[in-house]
């Protein structure tokens, strides 16, 4: 199964990005400056585990708890 990892613009914090999250995000992207990336679910799980270990991951409000979201990709979506 494929999933989309995307920046959650409703997450107000910057700590995760400034504590190493930006470098981790950039390493995952296929093109610099992208707002999302589609990857295999197993890769996403491994990557999110690393992301969650960075300070600031859990500092958002209830409606946007993390700087990034992970959502399943609809089978009919263009990828």
N, C-alpha and C. Protein backbone atom coordinates (compact mmCIF):
# COMPACT_ATOMS: atom_id res chain seq x y z
N UNK A 1 0.84 -1.18 0.00
CA UNK A 1 0.00 0.00 0.00
C UNK A 1 0.89 1.25 0.00
N UNK A 2 0.45 2.25 -0.73
CA UNK A 2 1.17 3.51 -0.78
C UNK A 2 0.52 4.52 0.16
N UNK A 3 1.35 5.38 0.73
CA UNK A 3 0.86 6.45 1.60
C UNK A 3 1.51 7.76 1.19
N UNK A 4 0.82 8.84 1.52
CA UNK A 4 1.33 10.19 1.25
C UNK A 4 1.75 10.81 2.58
N UNK A 5 3.01 11.22 2.65
CA UNK A 5 3.50 11.98 3.79
C UNK A 5 3.53 13.44 3.33
N UNK A 6 2.87 14.31 4.08
CA UNK A 6 2.74 15.71 3.66
C UNK A 6 2.95 16.66 4.84
N UNK A 7 3.42 17.84 4.54
CA UNK A 7 3.56 18.89 5.55
C UNK A 7 2.17 19.26 6.05
N UNK A 8 2.02 19.35 7.36
CA UNK A 8 0.76 19.79 7.96
C UNK A 8 0.91 21.27 8.30
N UNK A 9 0.38 22.12 7.46
CA UNK A 9 0.53 23.56 7.64
C UNK A 9 -0.27 24.09 8.83
N UNK A 10 -1.14 23.28 9.41
CA UNK A 10 -1.87 23.72 10.59
C UNK A 10 -1.06 23.50 11.87
N UNK A 11 0.02 22.74 11.79
CA UNK A 11 0.90 22.53 12.95
C UNK A 11 1.75 23.79 13.11
N UNK A 12 1.60 24.51 14.22
CA UNK A 12 2.24 25.81 14.36
C UNK A 12 3.71 25.79 14.78
N UNK A 13 4.20 24.67 15.29
CA UNK A 13 5.54 24.63 15.85
C UNK A 13 6.64 24.61 14.80
N UNK A 14 7.81 25.11 15.20
CA UNK A 14 8.99 25.08 14.34
C UNK A 14 10.11 24.22 14.94
N UNK A 15 9.94 23.81 16.21
CA UNK A 15 11.03 23.11 16.89
C UNK A 15 11.46 21.85 16.13
N UNK A 16 10.51 21.04 15.67
CA UNK A 16 10.85 19.81 14.97
C UNK A 16 11.70 20.11 13.73
N UNK A 17 11.29 21.08 12.96
CA UNK A 17 12.02 21.45 11.74
C UNK A 17 13.43 21.91 12.07
N UNK A 18 13.56 22.68 13.14
CA UNK A 18 14.86 23.25 13.51
C UNK A 18 15.74 22.27 14.28
N UNK A 19 15.19 21.16 14.75
CA UNK A 19 15.94 20.18 15.56
C UNK A 19 16.39 18.98 14.74
N UNK A 20 16.32 19.06 13.44
CA UNK A 20 16.76 17.97 12.57
C UNK A 20 15.68 17.44 11.66
N UNK A 21 14.44 17.86 11.88
CA UNK A 21 13.34 17.39 11.04
C UNK A 21 13.47 17.84 9.59
N UNK A 22 13.95 19.05 9.39
CA UNK A 22 14.09 19.55 8.01
C UNK A 22 15.05 18.68 7.21
N UNK A 23 16.16 18.30 7.82
CA UNK A 23 17.14 17.45 7.13
C UNK A 23 16.54 16.06 6.84
N UNK A 24 15.80 15.52 7.81
CA UNK A 24 15.17 14.21 7.61
C UNK A 24 14.14 14.30 6.48
N UNK A 25 13.34 15.36 6.47
CA UNK A 25 12.33 15.57 5.43
C UNK A 25 12.99 15.70 4.07
N UNK A 26 14.02 16.53 3.98
CA UNK A 26 14.70 16.75 2.71
C UNK A 26 15.30 15.46 2.15
N UNK A 27 15.77 14.57 3.03
CA UNK A 27 16.35 13.30 2.59
C UNK A 27 15.30 12.37 1.98
N UNK A 28 14.05 12.54 2.35
CA UNK A 28 12.96 11.70 1.85
C UNK A 28 12.42 12.18 0.51
N UNK A 29 12.56 13.45 0.23
CA UNK A 29 11.94 14.04 -0.96
C UNK A 29 12.62 13.62 -2.25
N UNK A 30 11.83 13.49 -3.29
CA UNK A 30 12.36 13.21 -4.62
C UNK A 30 12.75 14.50 -5.33
N UNK A 31 12.09 15.61 -5.00
CA UNK A 31 12.44 16.90 -5.59
C UNK A 31 12.48 17.94 -4.47
N UNK A 32 13.52 18.77 -4.46
CA UNK A 32 13.65 19.77 -3.40
C UNK A 32 12.44 20.70 -3.32
N UNK A 33 12.03 21.02 -2.10
CA UNK A 33 10.94 21.96 -1.90
C UNK A 33 9.55 21.35 -2.02
N UNK A 34 9.46 20.04 -2.21
CA UNK A 34 8.14 19.41 -2.33
C UNK A 34 7.39 19.48 -1.01
N UNK A 35 6.07 19.51 -1.08
CA UNK A 35 5.22 19.56 0.11
C UNK A 35 4.74 18.19 0.54
N UNK A 36 4.92 17.20 -0.33
CA UNK A 36 4.51 15.85 0.01
C UNK A 36 5.32 14.84 -0.79
N UNK A 37 5.22 13.59 -0.36
CA UNK A 37 5.91 12.51 -1.05
C UNK A 37 5.07 11.25 -0.87
N UNK A 38 5.05 10.40 -1.88
CA UNK A 38 4.33 9.14 -1.81
C UNK A 38 5.35 8.02 -1.71
N UNK A 39 5.18 7.18 -0.68
CA UNK A 39 6.11 6.09 -0.43
C UNK A 39 5.34 4.84 -0.03
N UNK A 40 6.04 3.72 -0.02
CA UNK A 40 5.46 2.48 0.47
C UNK A 40 5.19 2.60 1.96
N UNK A 41 4.13 1.96 2.43
CA UNK A 41 3.74 2.07 3.83
C UNK A 41 4.84 1.63 4.79
N UNK A 42 5.58 0.59 4.46
CA UNK A 42 6.65 0.13 5.36
C UNK A 42 7.75 1.17 5.48
N UNK A 43 8.10 1.83 4.39
CA UNK A 43 9.09 2.91 4.45
C UNK A 43 8.55 4.06 5.29
N UNK A 44 7.29 4.39 5.11
CA UNK A 44 6.67 5.48 5.87
C UNK A 44 6.70 5.17 7.36
N UNK A 45 6.40 3.95 7.75
CA UNK A 45 6.41 3.58 9.17
C UNK A 45 7.81 3.75 9.76
N UNK A 46 8.81 3.30 9.05
CA UNK A 46 10.19 3.42 9.50
C UNK A 46 10.60 4.89 9.60
N UNK A 47 10.23 5.67 8.59
CA UNK A 47 10.59 7.07 8.55
C UNK A 47 9.90 7.84 9.68
N UNK A 48 8.61 7.57 9.92
CA UNK A 48 7.87 8.26 10.97
C UNK A 48 8.45 7.92 12.34
N UNK A 49 8.92 6.71 12.51
CA UNK A 49 9.57 6.33 13.76
C UNK A 49 10.78 7.22 14.02
N UNK A 50 11.59 7.47 12.98
CA UNK A 50 12.74 8.38 13.11
C UNK A 50 12.27 9.80 13.37
N UNK A 51 11.24 10.22 12.65
CA UNK A 51 10.72 11.59 12.79
C UNK A 51 10.19 11.84 14.19
N UNK A 52 9.52 10.83 14.76
CA UNK A 52 8.93 10.98 16.09
C UNK A 52 9.98 11.09 17.18
N UNK A 53 11.19 10.66 16.90
CA UNK A 53 12.27 10.74 17.88
C UNK A 53 12.89 12.13 17.95
N UNK A 54 12.56 12.99 17.01
CA UNK A 54 13.11 14.36 16.98
C UNK A 54 12.25 15.27 17.85
N UNK A 55 12.91 16.08 18.64
CA UNK A 55 12.23 17.02 19.54
C UNK A 55 11.26 17.90 18.75
N UNK A 56 10.05 18.01 19.27
CA UNK A 56 9.03 18.86 18.65
C UNK A 56 7.97 18.10 17.88
N UNK A 57 8.15 16.80 17.66
CA UNK A 57 7.20 16.02 16.87
C UNK A 57 5.79 16.03 17.47
N UNK A 58 5.72 15.95 18.79
CA UNK A 58 4.42 15.83 19.47
C UNK A 58 3.92 17.15 20.07
N UNK A 59 4.38 18.27 19.58
CA UNK A 59 4.07 19.55 20.22
C UNK A 59 2.93 20.33 19.61
N UNK A 60 2.20 19.76 18.69
CA UNK A 60 1.11 20.49 18.06
C UNK A 60 -0.20 20.33 18.81
N UNK A 61 -1.19 21.11 18.43
CA UNK A 61 -2.53 21.00 19.03
C UNK A 61 -3.22 19.71 18.60
N UNK A 62 -4.35 19.41 19.20
CA UNK A 62 -5.07 18.17 18.89
C UNK A 62 -5.40 18.03 17.40
N UNK A 63 -5.71 19.13 16.74
CA UNK A 63 -6.10 19.05 15.33
C UNK A 63 -4.90 18.95 14.39
N UNK A 64 -3.69 19.16 14.88
CA UNK A 64 -2.47 19.05 14.07
C UNK A 64 -1.31 18.69 14.99
N UNK A 65 -1.31 17.46 15.53
CA UNK A 65 -0.33 17.11 16.56
C UNK A 65 1.11 16.98 16.07
N UNK A 66 1.29 16.74 14.76
CA UNK A 66 2.64 16.52 14.22
C UNK A 66 2.88 17.45 13.03
N UNK A 67 4.14 17.75 12.73
CA UNK A 67 4.44 18.64 11.60
C UNK A 67 4.10 18.04 10.23
N UNK A 68 3.92 16.70 10.19
CA UNK A 68 3.61 16.02 8.94
C UNK A 68 2.43 15.09 9.15
N UNK A 69 1.71 14.83 8.08
CA UNK A 69 0.60 13.88 8.13
C UNK A 69 0.94 12.67 7.26
N UNK A 70 0.34 11.55 7.58
CA UNK A 70 0.49 10.34 6.77
C UNK A 70 -0.92 9.84 6.45
N UNK A 71 -1.22 9.76 5.17
CA UNK A 71 -2.54 9.35 4.71
C UNK A 71 -2.42 8.29 3.63
N UNK A 72 -3.32 7.30 3.61
CA UNK A 72 -3.30 6.31 2.52
C UNK A 72 -3.59 7.01 1.19
N UNK A 73 -2.99 6.48 0.15
CA UNK A 73 -3.22 7.00 -1.20
C UNK A 73 -4.37 6.22 -1.81
N UNK A 74 -5.37 6.92 -2.29
CA UNK A 74 -6.52 6.31 -2.97
C UNK A 74 -6.01 5.57 -4.20
N UNK A 75 -6.53 4.40 -4.42
CA UNK A 75 -6.11 3.58 -5.55
C UNK A 75 -6.32 4.25 -6.90
N UNK A 76 -7.25 5.22 -6.97
CA UNK A 76 -7.54 5.92 -8.22
C UNK A 76 -6.74 7.20 -8.39
N UNK A 77 -5.95 7.57 -7.38
CA UNK A 77 -5.23 8.85 -7.43
C UNK A 77 -4.02 8.75 -8.36
N UNK A 78 -3.70 9.88 -8.96
CA UNK A 78 -2.47 9.97 -9.76
C UNK A 78 -1.28 10.02 -8.81
N UNK A 79 -0.31 9.16 -9.04
CA UNK A 79 0.88 9.16 -8.18
C UNK A 79 2.13 9.40 -8.96
